[in-house]
C-alpha atoms as a PDB file:
ATOM      1  CA  MET A   1       9.915  13.493 -28.677  1.00  0.00           C
ATOM      2  CA  GLN A   2      11.052  15.078 -31.608  1.00  0.00           C
ATOM      3  CA  GLY A   3      10.547  18.938 -32.137  1.00  0.00           C
ATOM      4  CA  THR A   4      11.904  21.046 -35.017  1.00  0.00           C
ATOM      5  CA  ARG A   5      14.591  23.735 -34.717  1.00  0.00           C
ATOM      6  CA  LEU A   6      13.386  27.300 -34.534  1.00  0.00           C
ATOM      7  CA  ALA A   7      15.557  29.869 -37.274  1.00  0.00           C
ATOM      8  CA  PRO A   8      19.395  29.691 -36.013  1.00  0.00           C
ATOM      9  CA  GLY A   9      19.957  32.576 -34.268  1.00  0.00           C
ATOM     10  CA  LEU A  10      16.298  32.876 -32.562  1.00  0.00           C
ATOM     11  CA  SER A  11      16.424  30.645 -29.717  1.00  0.00           C
ATOM     12  CA  ASN A  12      17.360  27.077 -28.924  1.00  0.00           C
ATOM     13  CA  GLN A  13      14.578  26.314 -28.062  1.00  0.00           C
ATOM     14  CA  VAL A  14      12.691  23.173 -30.010  1.00  0.00           C
ATOM     15  CA  MET A  15       8.690  23.717 -30.949  1.00  0.00           C
ATOM     16  CA  SER A  16       6.604  21.325 -29.679  1.00  0.00           C
ATOM     17  CA  ARG A  17       4.657  19.041 -31.996  1.00  0.00           C
ATOM     18  CA  GLU A  18       2.128  19.070 -28.851  1.00  0.00           C
ATOM     19  CA  GLY A  19       0.198  21.238 -27.445  1.00  0.00           C
ATOM     20  CA  PRO A  20      -2.896  23.114 -26.249  1.00  0.00           C
ATOM     21  CA  TRP A  21      -4.075  23.489 -29.962  1.00  0.00           C
ATOM     22  CA  VAL A  22      -3.625  20.302 -30.225  1.00  0.00           C
ATOM     23  CA  SER A  23      -6.178  18.904 -27.870  1.00  0.00           C
ATOM     24  CA  LEU A  24      -8.137  21.676 -29.247  1.00  0.00           C
ATOM     25  CA  LEU A  25      -8.435  21.192 -32.063  1.00  0.00           C
ATOM     26  CA  GLY A  26      -8.611  17.149 -31.963  1.00  0.00           C
ATOM     27  CA  SER A  27     -11.858  17.755 -30.749  1.00  0.00           C
ATOM     28  CA  ILE A  28     -13.344  19.962 -32.866  1.00  0.00           C
ATOM     29  CA  VAL A  29     -12.366  17.222 -35.356  1.00  0.00           C
ATOM     30  CA  SER A  30     -14.092  14.467 -33.496  1.00  0.00           C
ATOM     31  CA  MET A  31     -17.140  17.064 -33.394  1.00  0.00           C
ATOM     32  CA  LYS A  32     -16.885  17.024 -36.872  1.00  0.00           C
ATOM     33  CA  ILE A  33     -17.074  13.415 -37.818  1.00  0.00           C
ATOM     34  CA  TRP A  34     -19.779  12.890 -35.305  1.00  0.00           C
ATOM     35  CA  VAL A  35     -21.634  15.717 -36.589  1.00  0.00           C
ATOM     36  CA  THR A  36     -21.182  14.648 -40.419  1.00  0.00           C
ATOM     37  CA  VAL A  37     -22.342  10.519 -38.741  1.00  0.00           C
ATOM     38  CA  ALA A  38     -25.455  12.788 -37.405  1.00  0.00           C
ATOM     39  CA  VAL A  39     -26.059  14.276 -40.834  1.00  0.00           C
ATOM     40  CA  LEU A  40     -25.429  11.405 -42.930  1.00  0.00           C
ATOM     41  CA  ALA A  41     -27.889   9.014 -41.202  1.00  0.00           C
ATOM     42  CA  VAL A  42     -30.350  11.796 -41.222  1.00  0.00           C
ATOM     43  CA  GLY A  43     -29.712  11.916 -45.270  1.00  0.00           C
ATOM     44  CA  THR A  44     -30.048   8.230 -45.657  1.00  0.00           C
ATOM     45  CA  LEU A  45     -33.156   7.681 -43.660  1.00  0.00           C
ATOM     46  CA  SER A  46     -34.885  10.951 -45.408  1.00  0.00           C
ATOM     47  CA  ALA A  47     -33.385   9.479 -48.896  1.00  0.00           C
ATOM     48  CA  CYS A  48     -35.021   6.354 -48.242  1.00  0.00           C
ATOM     49  CA  GLY A  49     -38.389   7.696 -47.908  1.00  0.00           C
ATOM     50  CA  PRO A  50     -40.847   7.433 -45.043  1.00  0.00           C
ATOM     51  CA  SER A  51     -39.797   3.935 -42.711  1.00  0.00           C
ATOM     52  CA  LYS A  52     -41.542   2.719 -40.074  1.00  0.00           C
ATOM     53  CA  GLU A  53     -40.037   3.973 -37.748  1.00  0.00           C
ATOM     54  CA  LEU A  54     -40.484   7.363 -39.297  1.00  0.00           C
ATOM     55  CA  ARG A  55     -44.276   7.227 -39.860  1.00  0.00           C
ATOM     56  CA  GLN A  56     -44.472   6.732 -35.944  1.00  0.00           C
ATOM     57  CA  VAL A  57     -42.338   9.050 -34.747  1.00  0.00           C
ATOM     58  CA  ARG A  58     -44.307  11.662 -36.881  1.00  0.00           C
ATOM     59  CA  SER A  59     -47.571  10.086 -35.445  1.00  0.00           C
ATOM     60  CA  GLU A  60     -46.390  10.856 -32.121  1.00  0.00           C
ATOM     61  CA  ALA A  61     -45.474  14.259 -32.585  1.00  0.00           C
ATOM     62  CA  ASN A  62     -48.789  14.878 -33.874  1.00  0.00           C
ATOM     63  CA  GLY A  63     -50.184  13.160 -31.250  1.00  0.00           C
ATOM     64  CA  LEU A  64     -47.710  15.502 -29.110  1.00  0.00           C
ATOM     65  CA  ARG A  65     -49.212  18.727 -30.653  1.00  0.00           C
ATOM     66  CA  SER A  66     -52.640  17.746 -30.083  1.00  0.00           C
ATOM     67  CA  GLU A  67     -52.117  17.628 -26.525  1.00  0.00           C
ATOM     68  CA  VAL A  68     -50.561  20.089 -26.312  1.00  0.00           C
ATOM     69  CA  ASP A  69     -53.487  22.466 -28.010  1.00  0.00           C
ATOM     70  CA  THR A  70     -55.348  20.988 -25.632  1.00  0.00           C
ATOM     71  CA  LEU A  71     -54.028  22.239 -23.028  1.00  0.00           C
ATOM     72  CA  ARG A  72     -53.311  25.421 -24.578  1.00  0.00           C
ATOM     73  CA  ALA A  73     -56.574  25.732 -24.942  1.00  0.00           C
ATOM     74  CA  GLU A  74     -57.136  24.798 -21.175  1.00  0.00           C
ATOM     75  CA  VAL A  75     -54.268  27.513 -19.692  1.00  0.00           C
ATOM     76  CA  ARG A  76     -56.592  30.090 -21.507  1.00  0.00           C
ATOM     77  CA  VAL A  77     -59.723  28.587 -19.604  1.00  0.00           C
ATOM     78  CA  LEU A  78     -58.334  29.075 -16.553  1.00  0.00           C
ATOM     79  CA  ARG A  79     -56.329  32.324 -16.667  1.00  0.00           C
ATOM     80  CA  ALA A  80     -60.032  34.066 -17.935  1.00  0.00           C
ATOM     81  CA  GLU A  81     -61.435  32.026 -14.221  1.00  0.00           C
ATOM     82  CA  ASN A  82     -58.833  33.236 -12.354  1.00  0.00           C
ATOM     83  CA  LYS A  83     -59.091  36.736 -13.533  1.00  0.00           C
ATOM     84  CA  THR A  84     -62.790  36.495 -12.575  1.00  0.00           C
ATOM     85  CA  LEU A  85     -62.123  35.210  -9.435  1.00  0.00           C
ATOM     86  CA  LYS A  86     -59.051  38.104  -8.787  1.00  0.00           C
ATOM     87  CA  ARG A  87     -62.380  40.002  -9.126  1.00  0.00           C
ATOM     88  CA  LYS A  88     -65.016  38.766  -6.663  1.00  0.00           C
ATOM     89  CA  VAL A  89     -62.667  38.127  -3.800  1.00  0.00           C
ATOM     90  CA  SER A  90     -61.375  41.870  -4.861  1.00  0.00           C
ATOM     91  CA  ASP A  91     -64.435  42.807  -4.771  1.00  0.00           C
ATOM     92  CA  LEU A  92     -65.212  40.530  -1.496  1.00  0.00           C
ATOM     93  CA  GLU A  93     -61.973  42.760  -0.093  1.00  0.00           C
ATOM     94  CA  GLY A  94     -63.711  45.824  -1.077  1.00  0.00           C
ATOM     95  CA  SER A  95     -67.550  44.759   1.282  1.00  0.00           C
ATOM     96  CA  LEU A  96     -65.008  43.695   3.562  1.00  0.00           C
ATOM     97  CA  ALA A  97     -63.631  46.709   5.122  1.00  0.00           C
ATOM     98  CA  GLU A  98     -66.522  48.868   5.170  1.00  0.00           C
ATOM     99  CA  MET A  99     -68.457  46.268   6.743  1.00  0.00           C
ATOM    100  CA  THR A 100     -65.725  46.599   9.070  1.00  0.00           C
ATOM    101  CA  GLN A 101     -65.979  50.231   9.051  1.00  0.00           C
ATOM    102  CA  GLU A 102     -69.433  50.165   9.629  1.00  0.00           C
ATOM    103  CA  ARG A 103     -68.755  47.604  12.936  1.00  0.00           C
ATOM    104  CA  ASP A 104     -66.135  49.901  14.227  1.00  0.00           C
ATOM    105  CA  GLU A 105     -67.952  53.296  13.499  1.00  0.00           C
ATOM    106  CA  LEU A 106     -71.197  51.307  15.478  1.00  0.00           C
ATOM    107  CA  LYS A 107     -69.161  50.076  18.182  1.00  0.00           C
ATOM    108  CA  LEU A 108     -67.704  53.368  18.734  1.00  0.00           C
ATOM    109  CA  ALA A 109     -71.515  55.201  19.274  1.00  0.00           C
ATOM    110  CA  SER A 110     -72.381  52.138  21.805  1.00  0.00           C
ATOM    111  CA  GLU A 111     -69.695  53.069  23.865  1.00  0.00           C
ATOM    112  CA  LYS A 112     -70.488  56.082  24.457  1.00  0.00           C
ATOM    113  CA  PRO A 113     -72.174  57.299  27.268  1.00  0.00           C
ATOM    114  CA  ALA A 114     -76.568  57.793  26.695  1.00  0.00           C
ATOM    115  CA  PRO A 115     -77.350  60.739  26.981  1.00  0.00           C
ATOM    116  CA  ALA A 116     -79.517  61.224  30.368  1.00  0.00           C
ATOM    117  CA  ARG A 117     -82.862  61.061  30.768  1.00  0.00           C
ATOM    118  CA  LYS A 118     -84.411  64.005  31.912  1.00  0.00           C
ATOM    119  CA  SER A 119     -86.600  63.500  35.297  1.00  0.00           C
ATOM    120  CA  GLY A 120     -89.859  64.594  34.749  1.00  0.00           C
ATOM    121  CA  ARG A 121     -93.486  63.357  33.814  1.00  0.00           C
ATOM    122  CA  ARG A 122     -93.657  59.499  32.681  1.00  0.00           C
END
């Protein structure tokens, strides 16, 4: 591998023509080439006017957009239902807590000894 010498008196080292920057520069150039190819391909498609494939892709995209709109509407309905159901669950939990408390109070009242009856006339 040939190299170039640095200025006389500075160093006797030889600089290599290849290094980490060369591979990075090569990948950047390669990427620029691919981007250029893609731009030319898309530009060619748009310059030719709507082709059969382009019309088909647009049609599919429109179909997908309408499907997304339908799904979003369904999500809104389901969220409203979910909110209603959560409210009902909350109400039922409150009722359950009240009934449990009432049951516990009745249980305590039934466990208390009954007051003694006075013997006397019947």
